[in-house]
PDB file of all heavy atoms in Angstrom:
ATOM      1  N   THR A   1      92.301  90.795  81.049  1.00  0.00           N
ATOM      2  CA  THR A   1      92.397  90.921  82.502  1.00  0.00           C
ATOM      3  C   THR A   1      91.907  89.628  83.127  1.00  0.00           C
ATOM      4  O   THR A   1      91.441  88.720  82.483  1.00  0.00           O
ATOM      5  CB  THR A   1      91.451  92.105  82.960  1.00  0.00           C
ATOM      6  OG1 THR A   1      90.146  91.842  82.484  1.00  0.00           O
ATOM      7  CG2 THR A   1      91.939  93.446  82.514  1.00  0.00           C
ATOM      8  N   GLY A   2      92.059  89.547  84.447  1.00  0.00           N
ATOM      9  CA  GLY A   2      91.584  88.334  85.199  1.00  0.00           C
ATOM     10  C   GLY A   2      92.730  87.720  85.964  1.00  0.00           C
ATOM     11  O   GLY A   2      92.484  87.047  87.004  1.00  0.00           O
ATOM     12  N   ALA A   3      93.960  87.881  85.527  1.00  0.00           N
ATOM     13  CA  ALA A   3      95.092  87.323  86.297  1.00  0.00           C
ATOM     14  C   ALA A   3      95.410  88.168  87.502  1.00  0.00           C
ATOM     15  O   ALA A   3      95.124  89.389  87.553  1.00  0.00           O
ATOM     16  CB  ALA A   3      96.311  87.206  85.375  1.00  0.00           C
ATOM     17  N   SER A   4      96.041  87.566  88.500  1.00  0.00           N
ATOM     18  CA  SER A   4      96.426  88.310  89.690  1.00  0.00           C
ATOM     19  C   SER A   4      97.861  87.894  90.030  1.00  0.00           C
ATOM     20  O   SER A   4      98.349  86.837  89.643  1.00  0.00           O
ATOM     21  CB  SER A   4      95.505  88.061  90.851  1.00  0.00           C
ATOM     22  OG  SER A   4      95.494  86.666  91.210  1.00  0.00           O
ATOM     23  N   GLY A   5      98.561  88.712  90.785  1.00  0.00           N
ATOM     24  CA  GLY A   5      99.927  88.406  91.146  1.00  0.00           C
ATOM     25  C   GLY A   5     100.351  89.287  92.333  1.00  0.00           C
ATOM     26  O   GLY A   5      99.711  90.233  92.659  1.00  0.00           O
ATOM     27  N   ALA A   6     101.516  88.893  92.897  1.00  0.00           N
ATOM     28  CA  ALA A   6     102.109  89.724  93.991  1.00  0.00           C
ATOM     29  C   ALA A   6     103.514  90.069  93.643  1.00  0.00           C
ATOM     30  O   ALA A   6     104.225  89.304  93.059  1.00  0.00           O
ATOM     31  CB  ALA A   6     102.094  88.852  95.269  1.00  0.00           C
ATOM     32  N   LEU A   7     103.885  91.282  94.001  1.00  0.00           N
ATOM     33  CA  LEU A   7     105.193  91.846  93.763  1.00  0.00           C
ATOM     34  C   LEU A   7     105.769  92.197  95.096  1.00  0.00           C
ATOM     35  O   LEU A   7     105.216  93.053  95.829  1.00  0.00           O
ATOM     36  CB  LEU A   7     105.161  93.047  92.831  1.00  0.00           C
ATOM     37  CG  LEU A   7     106.455  93.793  92.505  1.00  0.00           C
ATOM     38  CD1 LEU A   7     107.394  92.832  91.669  1.00  0.00           C
ATOM     39  CD2 LEU A   7     106.199  95.076  91.725  1.00  0.00           C
ATOM     40  N   ALA A   8     106.927  91.644  95.413  1.00  0.00           N
ATOM     41  CA  ALA A   8     107.546  91.953  96.719  1.00  0.00           C
ATOM     42  C   ALA A   8     108.277  93.265  96.657  1.00  0.00           C
ATOM     43  O   ALA A   8     109.294  93.351  95.868  1.00  0.00           O
ATOM     44  CB  ALA A   8     108.516  90.827  97.114  1.00  0.00           C
ATOM     45  N   GLN A   9     107.861  94.273  97.349  1.00  0.00           N
ATOM     46  CA  GLN A   9     108.492  95.573  97.434  1.00  0.00           C
ATOM     47  C   GLN A   9     108.482  96.068  98.860  1.00  0.00           C
ATOM     48  O   GLN A   9     107.522  96.612  99.370  1.00  0.00           O
ATOM     49  CB  GLN A   9     107.717  96.601  96.561  1.00  0.00           C
ATOM     50  CG  GLN A   9     107.864  96.327  95.047  1.00  0.00           C
ATOM     51  CD  GLN A   9     107.223  97.441  94.212  1.00  0.00           C
ATOM     52  OE1 GLN A   9     106.050  97.710  94.315  1.00  0.00           O
ATOM     53  NE2 GLN A   9     108.097  98.084  93.435  1.00  0.00           N
ATOM     54  N   PRO A  10     109.645  95.846  99.574  1.00  0.00           N
ATOM     55  CA  PRO A  10     109.698  96.255 100.978  1.00  0.00           C
ATOM     56  C   PRO A  10     109.381  97.731 101.141  1.00  0.00           C
ATOM     57  O   PRO A  10     109.890  98.569 100.411  1.00  0.00           O
ATOM     58  CB  PRO A  10     111.156  95.917 101.321  1.00  0.00           C
ATOM     59  CG  PRO A  10     111.578  94.843 100.362  1.00  0.00           C
ATOM     60  CD  PRO A  10     110.836  95.170  99.081  1.00  0.00           C
ATOM     61  N   GLY A  11     108.531  98.012 102.107  1.00  0.00           N
ATOM     62  CA  GLY A  11     108.121  99.385 102.354  1.00  0.00           C
ATOM     63  C   GLY A  11     106.937  99.862 101.585  1.00  0.00           C
ATOM     64  O   GLY A  11     106.452 100.950 101.773  1.00  0.00           O
ATOM     65  N   PHE A  12     106.398  99.041 100.675  1.00  0.00           N
ATOM     66  CA  PHE A  12     105.234  99.370  99.887  1.00  0.00           C
ATOM     67  C   PHE A  12     104.164  98.329 100.132  1.00  0.00           C
ATOM     68  O   PHE A  12     104.322  97.193  99.700  1.00  0.00           O
ATOM     69  CB  PHE A  12     105.565  99.515  98.370  1.00  0.00           C
ATOM     70  CG  PHE A  12     106.457 100.692  98.057  1.00  0.00           C
ATOM     71  CD1 PHE A  12     107.812 100.561  98.084  1.00  0.00           C
ATOM     72  CD2 PHE A  12     105.892 101.885  97.724  1.00  0.00           C
ATOM     73  CE1 PHE A  12     108.641 101.630  97.753  1.00  0.00           C
ATOM     74  CE2 PHE A  12     106.666 103.003  97.452  1.00  0.00           C
ATOM     75  CZ  PHE A  12     108.069 102.872  97.470  1.00  0.00           C
ATOM     76  N   ALA A  13     103.062  98.766 100.794  1.00  0.00           N
ATOM     77  CA  ALA A  13     101.888  97.857 100.973  1.00  0.00           C
ATOM     78  C   ALA A  13     100.813  98.436 100.189  1.00  0.00           C
ATOM     79  O   ALA A  13     100.071  99.375 100.630  1.00  0.00           O
ATOM     80  CB  ALA A  13     101.605  97.763 102.461  1.00  0.00           C
ATOM     81  N   GLN A  14     100.560  97.922  98.970  1.00  0.00           N
ATOM     82  CA  GLN A  14      99.545  98.489  98.116  1.00  0.00           C
ATOM     83  C   GLN A  14      98.737  97.371  97.393  1.00  0.00           C
ATOM     84  O   GLN A  14      99.291  96.335  97.119  1.00  0.00           O
ATOM     85  CB  GLN A  14     100.188  99.436  97.064  1.00  0.00           C
ATOM     86  CG  GLN A  14     100.841 100.654  97.646  1.00  0.00           C
ATOM     87  CD  GLN A  14     101.332 101.617  96.576  1.00  0.00           C
ATOM     88  OE1 GLN A  14     101.442 101.251  95.425  1.00  0.00           O
ATOM     89  NE2 GLN A  14     101.658 102.803  96.956  1.00  0.00           N
ATOM     90  N   LEU A  15      97.527  97.695  97.071  1.00  0.00           N
ATOM     91  CA  LEU A  15      96.710  96.849  96.244  1.00  0.00           C
ATOM     92  C   LEU A  15      96.324  97.651  95.017  1.00  0.00           C
ATOM     93  O   LEU A  15      95.857  98.773  95.051  1.00  0.00           O
ATOM     94  CB  LEU A  15      95.451  96.429  96.958  1.00  0.00           C
ATOM     95  CG  LEU A  15      94.405  95.757  96.079  1.00  0.00           C
ATOM     96  CD1 LEU A  15      94.867  94.375  95.644  1.00  0.00           C
ATOM     97  CD2 LEU A  15      93.047  95.609  96.775  1.00  0.00           C
ATOM     98  N   GLU A  16      96.611  97.077  93.829  1.00  0.00           N
ATOM     99  CA  GLU A  16      96.225  97.734  92.551  1.00  0.00           C
ATOM    100  C   GLU A  16      95.259  96.810  91.844  1.00  0.00           C
ATOM    101  O   GLU A  16      95.495  95.671  91.612  1.00  0.00           O
ATOM    102  CB  GLU A  16      97.473  97.983  91.663  1.00  0.00           C
ATOM    103  CG  GLU A  16      98.428  98.985  92.335  1.00  0.00           C
ATOM    104  CD  GLU A  16      99.244  99.771  91.289  1.00  0.00           C
ATOM    105  OE1 GLU A  16      98.807  99.870  90.174  1.00  0.00           O
ATOM    106  OE2 GLU A  16     100.289 100.312  91.722  1.00  0.00           O
ATOM    107  N   LEU A  17      94.148  97.443  91.434  1.00  0.00           N
ATOM    108  CA  LEU A  17      93.124  96.764  90.697  1.00  0.00           C
ATOM    109  C   LEU A  17      93.063  97.347  89.261  1.00  0.00           C
ATOM    110  O   LEU A  17      93.031  98.533  89.079  1.00  0.00           O
ATOM    111  CB  LEU A  17      91.744  96.877  91.305  1.00  0.00           C
ATOM    112  CG  LEU A  17      91.645  96.357  92.758  1.00  0.00           C
ATOM    113  CD1 LEU A  17      90.272  96.650  93.326  1.00  0.00           C
ATOM    114  CD2 LEU A  17      91.901  94.882  92.776  1.00  0.00           C
ATOM    115  N   SER A  18      93.143  96.467  88.268  1.00  0.00           N
ATOM    116  CA  SER A  18      93.334  96.894  86.874  1.00  0.00           C
ATOM    117  C   SER A  18      92.140  96.446  86.035  1.00  0.00           C
ATOM    118  O   SER A  18      91.725  95.274  86.135  1.00  0.00           O
ATOM    119  CB  SER A  18      94.622  96.217  86.341  1.00  0.00           C
ATOM    120  OG  SER A  18      94.849  96.500  84.974  1.00  0.00           O
ATOM    121  N   PHE A  19      91.599  97.307  85.213  1.00  0.00           N
ATOM    122  CA  PHE A  19      90.461  97.069  84.405  1.00  0.00           C
ATOM    123  C   PHE A  19      90.691  97.501  82.945  1.00  0.00           C
ATOM    124  O   PHE A  19      91.324  98.505  82.753  1.00  0.00           O
ATOM    125  CB  PHE A  19      89.208  97.801  84.944  1.00  0.00           C
ATOM    126  CG  PHE A  19      88.801  97.443  86.324  1.00  0.00           C
ATOM    127  CD1 PHE A  19      89.427  98.107  87.405  1.00  0.00           C
ATOM    128  CD2 PHE A  19      87.902  96.454  86.594  1.00  0.00           C
ATOM    129  CE1 PHE A  19      89.037  97.763  88.693  1.00  0.00           C
ATOM    130  CE2 PHE A  19      87.512  96.100  87.869  1.00  0.00           C
ATOM    131  CZ  PHE A  19      88.118  96.756  88.979  1.00  0.00           C
ATOM    132  N   LEU A  20      90.141  96.778  82.045  1.00  0.00           N
ATOM    133  CA  LEU A  20      90.149  97.198  80.605  1.00  0.00           C
ATOM    134  C   LEU A  20      88.714  97.628  80.258  1.00  0.00           C
ATOM    135  O   LEU A  20      87.784  96.887  80.460  1.00  0.00           O
ATOM    136  CB  LEU A  20      90.587  96.063  79.669  1.00  0.00           C
ATOM    137  CG  LEU A  20      91.993  95.546  79.886  1.00  0.00           C
ATOM    138  CD1 LEU A  20      92.351  94.398  78.966  1.00  0.00           C
ATOM    139  CD2 LEU A  20      93.008  96.731  79.674  1.00  0.00           C
ATOM    140  N   LEU A  21      88.575  98.842  79.730  1.00  0.00           N
ATOM    141  CA  LEU A  21      87.286  99.404  79.430  1.00  0.00           C
ATOM    142  C   LEU A  21      87.231  99.996  78.034  1.00  0.00           C
ATOM    143  O   LEU A  21      88.235 100.245  77.446  1.00  0.00           O
ATOM    144  CB  LEU A  21      86.959 100.549  80.498  1.00  0.00           C
ATOM    145  CG  LEU A  21      86.961 100.172  81.962  1.00  0.00           C
ATOM    146  CD1 LEU A  21      86.902 101.373  82.801  1.00  0.00           C
ATOM    147  CD2 LEU A  21      85.812  99.221  82.251  1.00  0.00           C
ATOM    148  N   PRO A  22      86.042 100.231  77.516  1.00  0.00           N
ATOM    149  CA  PRO A  22      85.955 100.909  76.212  1.00  0.00           C
ATOM    150  C   PRO A  22      86.530 102.335  76.288  1.00  0.00           C
ATOM    151  O   PRO A  22      86.304 103.033  77.317  1.00  0.00           O
ATOM    152  CB  PRO A  22      84.411 100.932  75.947  1.00  0.00           C
ATOM    153  CG  PRO A  22      83.859  99.865  76.753  1.00  0.00           C
ATOM    154  CD  PRO A  22      84.761  99.798  77.982  1.00  0.00           C
ATOM    155  N   ALA A  23      87.217 102.770  75.278  1.00  0.00           N
ATOM    156  CA  ALA A  23      87.908 104.066  75.323  1.00  0.00           C
ATOM    157  C   ALA A  23      86.926 105.240  75.497  1.00  0.00           C
ATOM    158  O   ALA A  23      87.277 106.258  76.033  1.00  0.00           O
ATOM    159  CB  ALA A  23      88.715 104.280  74.069  1.00  0.00           C
ATOM    160  N   ASP A  24      85.690 105.033  75.052  1.00  0.00           N
ATOM    161  CA  ASP A  24      84.730 106.159  75.129  1.00  0.00           C
ATOM    162  C   ASP A  24      84.225 106.446  76.562  1.00  0.00           C
ATOM    163  O   ASP A  24      83.425 107.389  76.737  1.00  0.00           O
ATOM    164  CB  ASP A  24      83.537 105.947  74.168  1.00  0.00           C
ATOM    165  CG  ASP A  24      82.783 104.632  74.442  1.00  0.00           C
ATOM    166  OD1 ASP A  24      83.032 104.008  75.489  1.00  0.00           O
ATOM    167  OD2 ASP A  24      81.932 104.347  73.632  1.00  0.00           O
ATOM    168  N   VAL A  25      84.681 105.694  77.547  1.00  0.00           N
ATOM    169  CA  VAL A  25      84.317 106.072  78.940  1.00  0.00           C
ATOM    170  C   VAL A  25      85.232 107.181  79.512  1.00  0.00           C
ATOM    171  O   VAL A  25      84.962 107.666  80.599  1.00  0.00           O
ATOM    172  CB  VAL A  25      84.322 104.882  79.896  1.00  0.00           C
ATOM    173  CG1 VAL A  25      83.473 103.762  79.301  1.00  0.00           C
ATOM    174  CG2 VAL A  25      85.771 104.389  80.158  1.00  0.00           C
ATOM    175  N   ARG A  26      86.228 107.557  78.715  1.00  0.00           N
ATOM    176  CA  ARG A  26      87.214 108.509  79.242  1.00  0.00           C
ATOM    177  C   ARG A  26      86.578 109.786  79.820  1.00  0.00           C
ATOM    178  O   ARG A  26      87.048 110.267  80.883  1.00  0.00           O
ATOM    179  CB  ARG A  26      88.248 108.881  78.157  1.00  0.00           C
ATOM    180  CG  ARG A  26      89.341 109.754  78.637  1.00  0.00           C
ATOM    181  CD  ARG A  26      90.328 110.102  77.545  1.00  0.00           C
ATOM    182  NE  ARG A  26      91.112 108.959  77.129  1.00  0.00           N
ATOM    183  CZ  ARG A  26      92.271 108.643  77.687  1.00  0.00           C
ATOM    184  NH1 ARG A  26      92.700 109.339  78.708  1.00  0.00           N
ATOM    185  NH2 ARG A  26      92.978 107.606  77.268  1.00  0.00           N
ATOM    186  N   PRO A  27      85.547 110.384  79.180  1.00  0.00           N
ATOM    187  CA  PRO A  27      85.016 111.629  79.782  1.00  0.00           C
ATOM    188  C   PRO A  27      84.418 111.451  81.162  1.00  0.00           C
ATOM    189  O   PRO A  27      84.273 112.471  81.875  1.00  0.00           O
ATOM    190  CB  PRO A  27      83.836 111.995  78.781  1.00  0.00           C
ATOM    191  CG  PRO A  27      84.313 111.330  77.474  1.00  0.00           C
ATOM    192  CD  PRO A  27      85.005 110.054  77.910  1.00  0.00           C
ATOM    193  N   ALA A  28      84.148 110.188  81.589  1.00  0.00           N
ATOM    194  CA  ALA A  28      83.555 109.992  82.919  1.00  0.00           C
ATOM    195  C   ALA A  28      84.624 109.798  83.957  1.00  0.00           C
ATOM    196  O   ALA A  28      84.322 109.693  85.178  1.00  0.00           O
ATOM    197  CB  ALA A  28      82.698 108.762  82.899  1.00  0.00           C
ATOM    198  N   LEU A  29      85.918 109.774  83.587  1.00  0.00           N
ATOM    199  CA  LEU A  29      86.962 109.493  84.578  1.00  0.00           C
ATOM    200  C   LEU A  29      87.154 110.531  85.678  1.00  0.00           C
ATOM    201  O   LEU A  29      87.416 110.239  86.822  1.00  0.00           O
ATOM    202  CB  LEU A  29      88.300 109.244  83.927  1.00  0.00           C
ATOM    203  CG  LEU A  29      88.395 108.008  82.975  1.00  0.00           C
ATOM    204  CD1 LEU A  29      89.767 107.848  82.414  1.00  0.00           C
ATOM    205  CD2 LEU A  29      87.985 106.722  83.725  1.00  0.00           C
ATOM    206  N   ARG A  30      86.915 111.807  85.291  1.00  0.00           N
ATOM    207  CA  ARG A  30      87.097 112.847  86.317  1.00  0.00           C
ATOM    208  C   ARG A  30      85.958 112.705  87.385  1.00  0.00           C
ATOM    209  O   ARG A  30      86.208 112.906  88.559  1.00  0.00           O
ATOM    210  CB  ARG A  30      87.026 114.236  85.679  1.00  0.00           C
ATOM    211  CG  ARG A  30      88.291 114.533  84.891  1.00  0.00           C
ATOM    212  CD  ARG A  30      88.394 116.058  84.599  1.00  0.00           C
ATOM    213  NE  ARG A  30      87.291 116.477  83.748  1.00  0.00           N
ATOM    214  CZ  ARG A  30      87.334 116.366  82.418  1.00  0.00           C
ATOM    215  NH1 ARG A  30      88.358 115.831  81.776  1.00  0.00           N
ATOM    216  NH2 ARG A  30      86.326 116.806  81.697  1.00  0.00           N
ATOM    217  N   LEU A  31      84.783 112.315  86.958  1.00  0.00           N
ATOM    218  CA  LEU A  31      83.677 112.081  87.910  1.00  0.00           C
ATOM    219  C   LEU A  31      84.001 110.870  88.748  1.00  0.00           C
ATOM    220  O   LEU A  31      83.813 110.873  90.008  1.00  0.00           O
ATOM    221  CB  LEU A  31      82.374 111.856  87.133  1.00  0.00           C
ATOM    222  CG  LEU A  31      81.181 111.491  88.036  1.00  0.00           C
ATOM    223  CD1 LEU A  31      80.892 112.532  89.069  1.00  0.00           C
ATOM    224  CD2 LEU A  31      79.934 111.260  87.172  1.00  0.00           C
ATOM    225  N   LEU A  32      84.574 109.788  88.171  1.00  0.00           N
ATOM    226  CA  LEU A  32      84.909 108.601  88.921  1.00  0.00           C
ATOM    227  C   LEU A  32      85.961 108.952  89.973  1.00  0.00           C
ATOM    228  O   LEU A  32      85.903 108.453  91.142  1.00  0.00           O
ATOM    229  CB  LEU A  32      85.394 107.533  87.998  1.00  0.00           C
ATOM    230  CG  LEU A  32      85.857 106.225  88.654  1.00  0.00           C
ATOM    231  CD1 LEU A  32      84.673 105.571  89.410  1.00  0.00           C
ATOM    232  CD2 LEU A  32      86.361 105.209  87.598  1.00  0.00           C
ATOM    233  N   GLU A  33      86.917 109.749  89.543  1.00  0.00           N
ATOM    234  CA  GLU A  33      87.996 110.161  90.532  1.00  0.00           C
ATOM    235  C   GLU A  33      87.404 110.935  91.677  1.00  0.00           C
ATOM    236  O   GLU A  33      87.799 110.780  92.854  1.00  0.00           O
ATOM    237  CB  GLU A  33      89.072 110.961  89.798  1.00  0.00           C
ATOM    238  CG  GLU A  33      90.218 111.287  90.739  1.00  0.00           C
ATOM    239  CD  GLU A  33      91.292 112.127  90.077  1.00  0.00           C
ATOM    240  OE1 GLU A  33      90.886 113.156  89.506  1.00  0.00           O
ATOM    241  OE2 GLU A  33      92.463 111.792  90.110  1.00  0.00           O
ATOM    242  N   GLN A  34      86.463 111.815  91.394  1.00  0.00           N
ATOM    243  CA  GLN A  34      85.784 112.607  92.430  1.00  0.00           C
ATOM    244  C   GLN A  34      85.014 111.688  93.399  1.00  0.00           C
ATOM    245  O   GLN A  34      85.074 111.867  94.601  1.00  0.00           O
ATOM    246  CB  GLN A  34      84.855 113.646  91.777  1.00  0.00           C
ATOM    247  CG  GLN A  34      84.361 114.749  92.765  1.00  0.00           C
ATOM    248  CD  GLN A  34      85.462 115.750  93.001  1.00  0.00           C
ATOM    249  OE1 GLN A  34      86.245 116.082  92.168  1.00  0.00           O
ATOM    250  NE2 GLN A  34      85.537 116.251  94.263  1.00  0.00           N
ATOM    251  N   CYS A  35      84.370 110.723  92.859  1.00  0.00           N
ATOM    252  CA  CYS A  35      83.657 109.740  93.697  1.00  0.00           C
ATOM    253  C   CYS A  35      84.621 108.949  94.551  1.00  0.00           C
ATOM    254  O   CYS A  35      84.350 108.701  95.708  1.00  0.00           O
ATOM    255  CB  CYS A  35      82.843 108.795  92.820  1.00  0.00           C
ATOM    256  SG  CYS A  35      81.497 109.532  91.892  1.00  0.00           S
ATOM    257  N   LEU A  36      85.724 108.571  94.007  1.00  0.00           N
ATOM    258  CA  LEU A  36      86.728 107.821  94.729  1.00  0.00           C
ATOM    259  C   LEU A  36      87.246 108.573  95.932  1.00  0.00           C
ATOM    260  O   LEU A  36      87.440 108.020  97.012  1.00  0.00           O
ATOM    261  CB  LEU A  36      87.869 107.413  93.781  1.00  0.00           C
ATOM    262  CG  LEU A  36      89.031 106.670  94.398  1.00  0.00           C
ATOM    263  CD1 LEU A  36      88.623 105.302  94.946  1.00  0.00           C
ATOM    264  CD2 LEU A  36      90.221 106.527  93.442  1.00  0.00           C
ATOM    265  N   HIS A  37      87.525 109.857  95.744  1.00  0.00           N
ATOM    266  CA  HIS A  37      88.136 110.664  96.745  1.00  0.00           C
ATOM    267  C   HIS A  37      87.134 111.306  97.710  1.00  0.00           C
ATOM    268  O   HIS A  37      87.563 111.959  98.721  1.00  0.00           O
ATOM    269  CB  HIS A  37      89.002 111.753  96.172  1.00  0.00           C
ATOM    270  CG  HIS A  37      90.249 111.231  95.527  1.00  0.00           C
ATOM    271  ND1 HIS A  37      90.869 111.884  94.501  1.00  0.00           N
ATOM    272  CD2 HIS A  37      90.882 110.105  95.684  1.00  0.00           C
ATOM    273  CE1 HIS A  37      91.923 111.213  94.124  1.00  0.00           C
ATOM    274  NE2 HIS A  37      91.957 110.098  94.828  1.00  0.00           N
ATOM    275  N   SER A  38      85.808 111.146  97.458  1.00  0.00           N
ATOM    276  CA  SER A  38      84.829 111.737  98.301  1.00  0.00           C
ATOM    277  C   SER A  38      84.944 111.203  99.760  1.00  0.00           C
ATOM    278  O   SER A  38      85.084 110.005 100.016  1.00  0.00           O
ATOM    279  CB  SER A  38      83.422 111.457  97.753  1.00  0.00           C
ATOM    280  OG  SER A  38      82.417 111.853  98.677  1.00  0.00           O
ATOM    281  N   GLU A  39      84.871 112.102 100.683  1.00  0.00           N
ATOM    282  CA  GLU A  39      84.911 111.747 102.120  1.00  0.00           C
ATOM    283  C   GLU A  39      83.580 111.683 102.714  1.00  0.00           C
ATOM    284  O   GLU A  39      83.392 111.670 103.959  1.00  0.00           O
ATOM    285  CB  GLU A  39      85.766 112.791 102.879  1.00  0.00           C
ATOM    286  CG  GLU A  39      87.233 112.883 102.408  1.00  0.00           C
ATOM    287  CD  GLU A  39      88.054 111.707 102.862  1.00  0.00           C
ATOM    288  OE1 GLU A  39      87.593 110.944 103.724  1.00  0.00           O
ATOM    289  OE2 GLU A  39      89.218 111.567 102.386  1.00  0.00           O
ATOM    290  N   ALA A  40      82.490 111.674 101.922  1.00  0.00           N
ATOM    291  CA  ALA A  40      81.092 111.674 102.430  1.00  0.00           C
ATOM    292  C   ALA A  40      80.836 110.452 103.272  1.00  0.00           C
ATOM    293  O   ALA A  40      81.367 109.327 102.921  1.00  0.00           O
ATOM    294  CB  ALA A  40      80.121 111.788 101.296  1.00  0.00           C
ATOM    295  N   PRO A  41      80.089 110.514 104.331  1.00  0.00           N
ATOM    296  CA  PRO A  41      79.674 109.337 105.095  1.00  0.00           C
ATOM    297  C   PRO A  41      79.026 108.286 104.248  1.00  0.00           C
ATOM    298  O   PRO A  41      78.168 108.610 103.339  1.00  0.00           O
ATOM    299  CB  PRO A  41      78.722 109.899 106.111  1.00  0.00           C
ATOM    300  CG  PRO A  41      79.026 111.338 106.249  1.00  0.00           C
ATOM    301  CD  PRO A  41      79.514 111.760 104.863  1.00  0.00           C
ATOM    302  N   GLY A  42      79.414 107.060 104.387  1.00  0.00           N
ATOM    303  CA  GLY A  42      78.871 105.990 103.560  1.00  0.00           C
ATOM    304  C   GLY A  42      79.627 105.823 102.290  1.00  0.00           C
ATOM    305  O   GLY A  42      79.341 104.818 101.589  1.00  0.00           O
ATOM    306  N   GLY A  43      80.556 106.690 101.961  1.00  0.00           N
ATOM    307  CA  GLY A  43      81.381 106.538 100.744  1.00  0.00           C
ATOM    308  C   GLY A  43      82.496 105.552 100.953  1.00  0.00           C
ATOM    309  O   GLY A  43      82.719 104.989 101.990  1.00  0.00           O
ATOM    310  N   LEU A  44      83.196 105.290  99.855  1.00  0.00           N
ATOM    311  CA  LEU A  44      84.224 104.267  99.866  1.00  0.00           C
ATOM    312  C   LEU A  44      85.349 104.650 100.869  1.00  0.00           C
ATOM    313  O   LEU A  44      85.797 103.809 101.659  1.00  0.00           O
ATOM    314  CB  LEU A  44      84.832 104.079  98.438  1.00  0.00           C
ATOM    315  CG  LEU A  44      85.935 103.055  98.371  1.00  0.00           C
ATOM    316  CD1 LEU A  44      85.507 101.636  98.759  1.00  0.00           C
ATOM    317  CD2 LEU A  44      86.559 103.021  96.987  1.00  0.00           C
TER     318      LEU A  44
END
């Protein structure tokens, strides 16, 4: 990882961030997704 680039796609304005992680973090992904979608004040 570390490289960045831009893809021209009319009608799509998106940012994608890509990470390589140890496979054993997989059980934490559902929690991470819950944190990402949380609408709590002060959240992302």
